[in-house]
N, C-alpha and C. Protein backbone atom coordinates (compact mmCIF):
# COMPACT_ATOMS: atom_id res chain seq x y z
N MET A 1 -0.94 -8.97 -6.12
CA MET A 1 -0.43 -7.65 -6.36
C MET A 1 0.16 -7.56 -7.76
N ASN A 2 -0.61 -7.92 -8.74
CA ASN A 2 -0.13 -7.83 -10.11
C ASN A 2 -0.31 -6.41 -10.61
N CYS A 3 0.77 -5.86 -11.11
CA CYS A 3 0.75 -4.48 -11.57
C CYS A 3 0.96 -4.45 -13.08
N ASP A 4 0.14 -3.71 -13.78
CA ASP A 4 0.36 -3.57 -15.22
C ASP A 4 0.38 -2.10 -15.62
N CYS A 5 0.85 -1.26 -14.69
CA CYS A 5 0.87 0.18 -14.99
C CYS A 5 2.24 0.63 -15.50
N HIS A 6 3.16 -0.31 -15.75
CA HIS A 6 4.47 -0.02 -16.34
C HIS A 6 5.28 0.96 -15.50
N CYS A 7 5.27 0.78 -14.20
CA CYS A 7 5.98 1.68 -13.29
C CYS A 7 7.28 1.08 -12.79
N ASN A 8 7.72 -0.01 -13.37
CA ASN A 8 8.91 -0.72 -12.91
C ASN A 8 8.77 -1.16 -11.46
N ALA A 9 7.59 -1.58 -11.08
CA ALA A 9 7.26 -2.14 -9.75
C ALA A 9 7.26 -1.11 -8.63
N LYS A 10 7.44 0.17 -8.91
CA LYS A 10 7.43 1.17 -7.85
C LYS A 10 6.08 1.23 -7.15
N CYS A 11 5.01 0.92 -7.86
CA CYS A 11 3.69 1.05 -7.26
C CYS A 11 3.42 -0.04 -6.23
N LYS A 12 4.29 -1.05 -6.13
CA LYS A 12 4.09 -2.08 -5.12
C LYS A 12 4.43 -1.57 -3.73
N LEU A 13 5.16 -0.46 -3.67
CA LEU A 13 5.41 0.19 -2.40
C LEU A 13 4.48 1.38 -2.30
N LEU A 14 3.95 1.62 -1.13
CA LEU A 14 2.96 2.67 -0.95
C LEU A 14 3.61 4.01 -0.63
N GLY A 15 3.04 5.06 -1.18
CA GLY A 15 3.41 6.41 -0.80
C GLY A 15 2.77 6.73 0.55
N GLY A 16 3.09 7.89 1.10
CA GLY A 16 2.60 8.27 2.42
C GLY A 16 1.09 8.28 2.55
N LEU A 17 0.41 8.96 1.64
CA LEU A 17 -1.05 9.02 1.71
C LEU A 17 -1.67 7.67 1.39
N GLU A 18 -1.09 6.95 0.44
CA GLU A 18 -1.59 5.60 0.14
C GLU A 18 -1.51 4.71 1.38
N GLN A 19 -0.40 4.80 2.11
CA GLN A 19 -0.24 3.99 3.32
C GLN A 19 -1.32 4.35 4.34
N GLN A 20 -1.57 5.64 4.53
CA GLN A 20 -2.61 6.06 5.47
C GLN A 20 -3.98 5.54 5.04
N ILE A 21 -4.26 5.63 3.76
CA ILE A 21 -5.55 5.14 3.25
C ILE A 21 -5.67 3.64 3.45
N MET A 22 -4.60 2.90 3.15
CA MET A 22 -4.65 1.45 3.34
C MET A 22 -4.86 1.10 4.81
N GLU A 23 -4.24 1.84 5.72
CA GLU A 23 -4.43 1.57 7.15
C GLU A 23 -5.90 1.73 7.52
N VAL A 24 -6.55 2.75 6.98
CA VAL A 24 -7.98 2.97 7.23
C VAL A 24 -8.80 1.81 6.66
N LEU A 25 -8.48 1.41 5.43
CA LEU A 25 -9.23 0.31 4.80
C LEU A 25 -8.99 -1.01 5.51
N TRP A 26 -7.74 -1.29 5.92
CA TRP A 26 -7.45 -2.53 6.63
C TRP A 26 -8.16 -2.59 7.98
N ALA A 27 -8.38 -1.43 8.60
CA ALA A 27 -9.03 -1.39 9.91
C ALA A 27 -10.54 -1.56 9.83
N SER A 28 -11.09 -1.46 8.64
CA SER A 28 -12.54 -1.53 8.48
C SER A 28 -12.98 -2.92 8.02
N PRO A 29 -14.02 -3.47 8.65
CA PRO A 29 -14.54 -4.76 8.19
C PRO A 29 -15.34 -4.63 6.89
N ASP A 30 -15.71 -3.40 6.54
CA ASP A 30 -16.55 -3.17 5.36
C ASP A 30 -15.83 -2.28 4.35
N ALA A 31 -16.28 -2.34 3.11
CA ALA A 31 -15.79 -1.42 2.09
C ALA A 31 -16.21 0.00 2.49
N LEU A 32 -15.36 0.97 2.15
CA LEU A 32 -15.64 2.35 2.54
C LEU A 32 -15.75 3.25 1.32
N LYS A 33 -16.63 4.25 1.43
CA LYS A 33 -16.73 5.30 0.42
C LYS A 33 -15.62 6.32 0.70
N PRO A 34 -15.24 7.13 -0.31
CA PRO A 34 -14.18 8.11 -0.09
C PRO A 34 -14.44 9.03 1.10
N ALA A 35 -15.68 9.45 1.31
CA ALA A 35 -15.99 10.32 2.45
C ALA A 35 -15.71 9.62 3.78
N GLU A 36 -15.96 8.31 3.84
CA GLU A 36 -15.69 7.56 5.06
C GLU A 36 -14.18 7.40 5.28
N VAL A 37 -13.45 7.21 4.19
CA VAL A 37 -11.99 7.14 4.31
C VAL A 37 -11.47 8.48 4.82
N LEU A 38 -11.93 9.56 4.20
CA LEU A 38 -11.50 10.90 4.59
C LEU A 38 -11.77 11.16 6.07
N LYS A 39 -12.93 10.77 6.54
CA LYS A 39 -13.32 10.99 7.93
C LYS A 39 -12.35 10.29 8.90
N ASN A 40 -11.79 9.16 8.49
CA ASN A 40 -10.91 8.38 9.36
C ASN A 40 -9.43 8.70 9.19
N LEU A 41 -9.09 9.59 8.27
CA LEU A 41 -7.70 9.96 8.07
C LEU A 41 -7.28 11.06 9.03
N LYS A 42 -6.02 11.02 9.41
CA LYS A 42 -5.45 12.10 10.20
C LYS A 42 -4.95 13.18 9.25
N GLY A 43 -5.04 14.41 9.65
CA GLY A 43 -4.57 15.50 8.81
C GLY A 43 -5.69 16.04 7.93
N LYS A 44 -5.36 17.08 7.22
CA LYS A 44 -6.34 17.73 6.34
C LYS A 44 -6.07 17.32 4.91
N HIS A 45 -7.07 16.72 4.30
CA HIS A 45 -6.98 16.31 2.91
C HIS A 45 -8.28 16.72 2.21
N ALA A 46 -8.17 17.07 0.96
CA ALA A 46 -9.36 17.40 0.19
C ALA A 46 -10.07 16.10 -0.22
N TYR A 47 -11.37 16.16 -0.23
CA TYR A 47 -12.18 15.01 -0.65
C TYR A 47 -11.77 14.56 -2.04
N THR A 48 -11.54 15.51 -2.94
CA THR A 48 -11.17 15.15 -4.32
C THR A 48 -9.81 14.45 -4.36
N THR A 49 -8.91 14.82 -3.47
CA THR A 49 -7.60 14.16 -3.41
C THR A 49 -7.78 12.70 -3.02
N ILE A 50 -8.61 12.44 -2.02
CA ILE A 50 -8.86 11.07 -1.57
C ILE A 50 -9.52 10.27 -2.69
N MET A 51 -10.48 10.87 -3.37
CA MET A 51 -11.12 10.18 -4.50
C MET A 51 -10.10 9.81 -5.57
N THR A 52 -9.23 10.74 -5.91
CA THR A 52 -8.22 10.52 -6.94
C THR A 52 -7.25 9.43 -6.53
N VAL A 53 -6.76 9.48 -5.30
CA VAL A 53 -5.80 8.49 -4.83
C VAL A 53 -6.45 7.11 -4.79
N LEU A 54 -7.68 7.01 -4.31
CA LEU A 54 -8.37 5.73 -4.30
C LEU A 54 -8.55 5.17 -5.71
N LYS A 55 -8.90 6.01 -6.66
CA LYS A 55 -9.05 5.56 -8.05
C LYS A 55 -7.72 5.04 -8.59
N ARG A 56 -6.64 5.76 -8.31
CA ARG A 56 -5.31 5.32 -8.77
C ARG A 56 -4.90 4.02 -8.10
N MET A 57 -5.25 3.88 -6.82
CA MET A 57 -4.94 2.64 -6.12
C MET A 57 -5.73 1.47 -6.71
N ALA A 58 -6.95 1.73 -7.15
CA ALA A 58 -7.73 0.69 -7.82
C ALA A 58 -7.09 0.33 -9.16
N ASP A 59 -6.61 1.34 -9.89
CA ASP A 59 -5.93 1.09 -11.16
C ASP A 59 -4.67 0.24 -10.97
N LYS A 60 -4.01 0.43 -9.84
CA LYS A 60 -2.79 -0.32 -9.53
C LYS A 60 -3.11 -1.68 -8.91
N LYS A 61 -4.38 -1.98 -8.78
CA LYS A 61 -4.85 -3.23 -8.20
C LYS A 61 -4.42 -3.41 -6.74
N LEU A 62 -4.46 -2.30 -6.01
CA LEU A 62 -4.20 -2.33 -4.57
C LEU A 62 -5.50 -2.44 -3.79
N VAL A 63 -6.58 -1.89 -4.37
CA VAL A 63 -7.89 -1.92 -3.73
C VAL A 63 -8.93 -2.34 -4.76
N LYS A 64 -10.04 -2.85 -4.24
CA LYS A 64 -11.19 -3.21 -5.08
C LYS A 64 -12.15 -2.03 -5.09
N ARG A 65 -12.59 -1.64 -6.27
CA ARG A 65 -13.51 -0.51 -6.44
C ARG A 65 -14.87 -1.07 -6.85
N THR A 66 -15.88 -0.80 -6.04
CA THR A 66 -17.22 -1.33 -6.29
C THR A 66 -18.22 -0.19 -6.39
N ALA A 67 -19.02 -0.20 -7.44
CA ALA A 67 -20.05 0.83 -7.61
C ALA A 67 -21.19 0.57 -6.63
N THR A 68 -21.60 1.62 -5.93
CA THR A 68 -22.77 1.56 -5.06
C THR A 68 -23.81 2.51 -5.63
N ALA A 69 -24.86 2.75 -4.88
CA ALA A 69 -25.97 3.57 -5.39
C ALA A 69 -25.52 4.93 -5.92
N ASN A 70 -24.71 5.65 -5.15
CA ASN A 70 -24.35 7.01 -5.57
C ASN A 70 -22.86 7.31 -5.47
N ALA A 71 -22.06 6.29 -5.21
CA ALA A 71 -20.61 6.50 -5.10
C ALA A 71 -19.91 5.16 -5.25
N PHE A 72 -18.62 5.18 -5.31
CA PHE A 72 -17.84 3.96 -5.29
C PHE A 72 -17.44 3.65 -3.86
N SER A 73 -17.27 2.39 -3.56
CA SER A 73 -16.70 1.99 -2.28
C SER A 73 -15.43 1.20 -2.55
N TYR A 74 -14.55 1.20 -1.57
CA TYR A 74 -13.22 0.62 -1.75
C TYR A 74 -12.89 -0.32 -0.60
N SER A 75 -12.21 -1.40 -0.95
CA SER A 75 -11.73 -2.35 0.06
C SER A 75 -10.39 -2.89 -0.41
N PRO A 76 -9.54 -3.29 0.54
CA PRO A 76 -8.22 -3.81 0.15
C PRO A 76 -8.36 -5.16 -0.55
N LEU A 77 -7.51 -5.40 -1.54
CA LEU A 77 -7.50 -6.70 -2.21
C LEU A 77 -6.75 -7.74 -1.39
N LEU A 78 -5.76 -7.30 -0.61
CA LEU A 78 -5.00 -8.19 0.25
C LEU A 78 -5.05 -7.67 1.68
N ASP A 79 -5.00 -8.58 2.65
CA ASP A 79 -4.89 -8.10 4.02
C ASP A 79 -3.48 -7.57 4.23
N LYS A 80 -3.25 -6.91 5.34
CA LYS A 80 -1.99 -6.22 5.56
C LYS A 80 -0.79 -7.18 5.52
N ALA A 81 -0.93 -8.34 6.13
CA ALA A 81 0.18 -9.30 6.16
C ALA A 81 0.53 -9.79 4.76
N ASP A 82 -0.48 -10.11 3.96
CA ASP A 82 -0.23 -10.59 2.60
C ASP A 82 0.34 -9.48 1.72
N PHE A 83 -0.16 -8.26 1.91
CA PHE A 83 0.37 -7.13 1.14
C PHE A 83 1.84 -6.91 1.48
N ALA A 84 2.16 -6.88 2.78
CA ALA A 84 3.55 -6.66 3.21
C ALA A 84 4.45 -7.75 2.66
N SER A 85 4.01 -8.98 2.73
CA SER A 85 4.82 -10.09 2.23
C SER A 85 5.10 -9.94 0.74
N ALA A 86 4.07 -9.64 -0.04
CA ALA A 86 4.25 -9.49 -1.49
C ALA A 86 5.15 -8.31 -1.83
N ALA A 87 4.94 -7.18 -1.15
CA ALA A 87 5.75 -5.99 -1.42
C ALA A 87 7.21 -6.22 -1.03
N LEU A 88 7.43 -6.85 0.11
CA LEU A 88 8.79 -7.10 0.56
C LEU A 88 9.49 -8.14 -0.30
N ASP A 89 8.77 -9.18 -0.71
CA ASP A 89 9.36 -10.17 -1.63
C ASP A 89 9.86 -9.48 -2.89
N ASP A 90 9.03 -8.62 -3.45
CA ASP A 90 9.41 -7.90 -4.66
C ASP A 90 10.60 -6.98 -4.41
N LEU A 91 10.55 -6.24 -3.31
CA LEU A 91 11.63 -5.32 -2.97
C LEU A 91 12.95 -6.06 -2.77
N PHE A 92 12.92 -7.14 -1.98
CA PHE A 92 14.15 -7.88 -1.72
C PHE A 92 14.70 -8.51 -2.99
N THR A 93 13.84 -9.00 -3.85
CA THR A 93 14.30 -9.57 -5.12
C THR A 93 15.04 -8.52 -5.93
N ARG A 94 14.45 -7.32 -6.03
CA ARG A 94 15.10 -6.25 -6.79
C ARG A 94 16.40 -5.81 -6.12
N LEU A 95 16.43 -5.75 -4.78
CA LEU A 95 17.66 -5.38 -4.08
C LEU A 95 18.76 -6.41 -4.31
N PHE A 96 18.42 -7.70 -4.17
CA PHE A 96 19.43 -8.73 -4.39
C PHE A 96 19.90 -8.74 -5.83
N ASP A 97 19.00 -8.53 -6.77
CA ASP A 97 19.39 -8.49 -8.18
C ASP A 97 20.36 -7.33 -8.45
N SER A 98 20.15 -6.21 -7.79
CA SER A 98 20.97 -5.02 -8.04
C SER A 98 22.22 -4.94 -7.18
N TYR A 99 22.12 -5.39 -5.90
CA TYR A 99 23.21 -5.13 -4.96
C TYR A 99 23.79 -6.39 -4.32
N GLY A 100 23.24 -7.54 -4.63
CA GLY A 100 23.75 -8.83 -4.19
C GLY A 100 24.30 -8.90 -2.79
N GLU A 101 25.61 -9.03 -2.67
CA GLU A 101 26.29 -9.29 -1.41
C GLU A 101 26.15 -8.19 -0.37
N TYR A 102 25.74 -7.00 -0.77
CA TYR A 102 25.63 -5.88 0.16
C TYR A 102 24.31 -5.84 0.92
N VAL A 103 23.35 -6.61 0.44
CA VAL A 103 22.00 -6.54 1.00
C VAL A 103 21.92 -7.10 2.42
N LEU A 104 22.39 -8.31 2.63
CA LEU A 104 22.25 -8.93 3.96
C LEU A 104 22.95 -8.15 5.07
N PRO A 105 24.20 -7.72 4.89
CA PRO A 105 24.80 -6.92 5.96
C PRO A 105 23.99 -5.66 6.28
N SER A 106 23.44 -5.04 5.27
CA SER A 106 22.64 -3.83 5.49
C SER A 106 21.34 -4.15 6.23
N ILE A 107 20.70 -5.25 5.86
CA ILE A 107 19.47 -5.66 6.54
C ILE A 107 19.77 -5.97 8.00
N LYS A 108 20.85 -6.69 8.26
CA LYS A 108 21.22 -7.02 9.64
C LYS A 108 21.49 -5.75 10.45
N LYS A 109 22.20 -4.81 9.86
CA LYS A 109 22.50 -3.54 10.54
C LYS A 109 21.21 -2.78 10.86
N SER A 110 20.29 -2.71 9.89
CA SER A 110 19.00 -2.01 10.10
C SER A 110 18.16 -2.71 11.15
N ALA A 111 18.15 -4.03 11.11
CA ALA A 111 17.37 -4.80 12.09
C ALA A 111 17.89 -4.55 13.50
N LYS A 112 19.21 -4.59 13.65
CA LYS A 112 19.82 -4.36 14.96
C LYS A 112 19.50 -2.97 15.46
N ALA A 113 19.59 -1.96 14.59
CA ALA A 113 19.29 -0.58 14.97
C ALA A 113 17.83 -0.41 15.40
N SER A 114 16.96 -1.25 14.85
CA SER A 114 15.53 -1.18 15.19
C SER A 114 15.15 -2.09 16.36
N GLY A 115 16.14 -2.80 16.89
CA GLY A 115 15.86 -3.66 18.05
C GLY A 115 15.46 -5.07 17.70
N PHE A 116 15.64 -5.47 16.47
CA PHE A 116 15.33 -6.84 16.05
C PHE A 116 16.62 -7.65 15.99
N SER A 117 16.51 -8.93 16.27
CA SER A 117 17.67 -9.79 16.10
C SER A 117 17.38 -10.82 15.02
N LEU A 118 18.37 -11.08 14.23
CA LEU A 118 18.21 -12.06 13.14
C LEU A 118 18.95 -13.34 13.46
């Protein structure tokens, strides 16, 4: 998950539509064209929006973009577990760097509220 888009690592976390698109790509054993991604998404989205988001995700090195006969196809560069691990490692590092001693109590509180025990 190497990013060189100068976004201060924000792109390592997915936006709402990016998350939905990644879920579709992770669920597929094959690379998908934008129309196939669109078909598997919930909600109403314009085809051009999906194309644009997929291109930006490729620029951020979140997905692999491969030219096919008449369109591009997309596949995730990391599986979901590896992506989550890399994104969370980055997030936790930035949180600890910025907020130090406050991070663990907050994580424990959130985990407990979600039904997890640490």
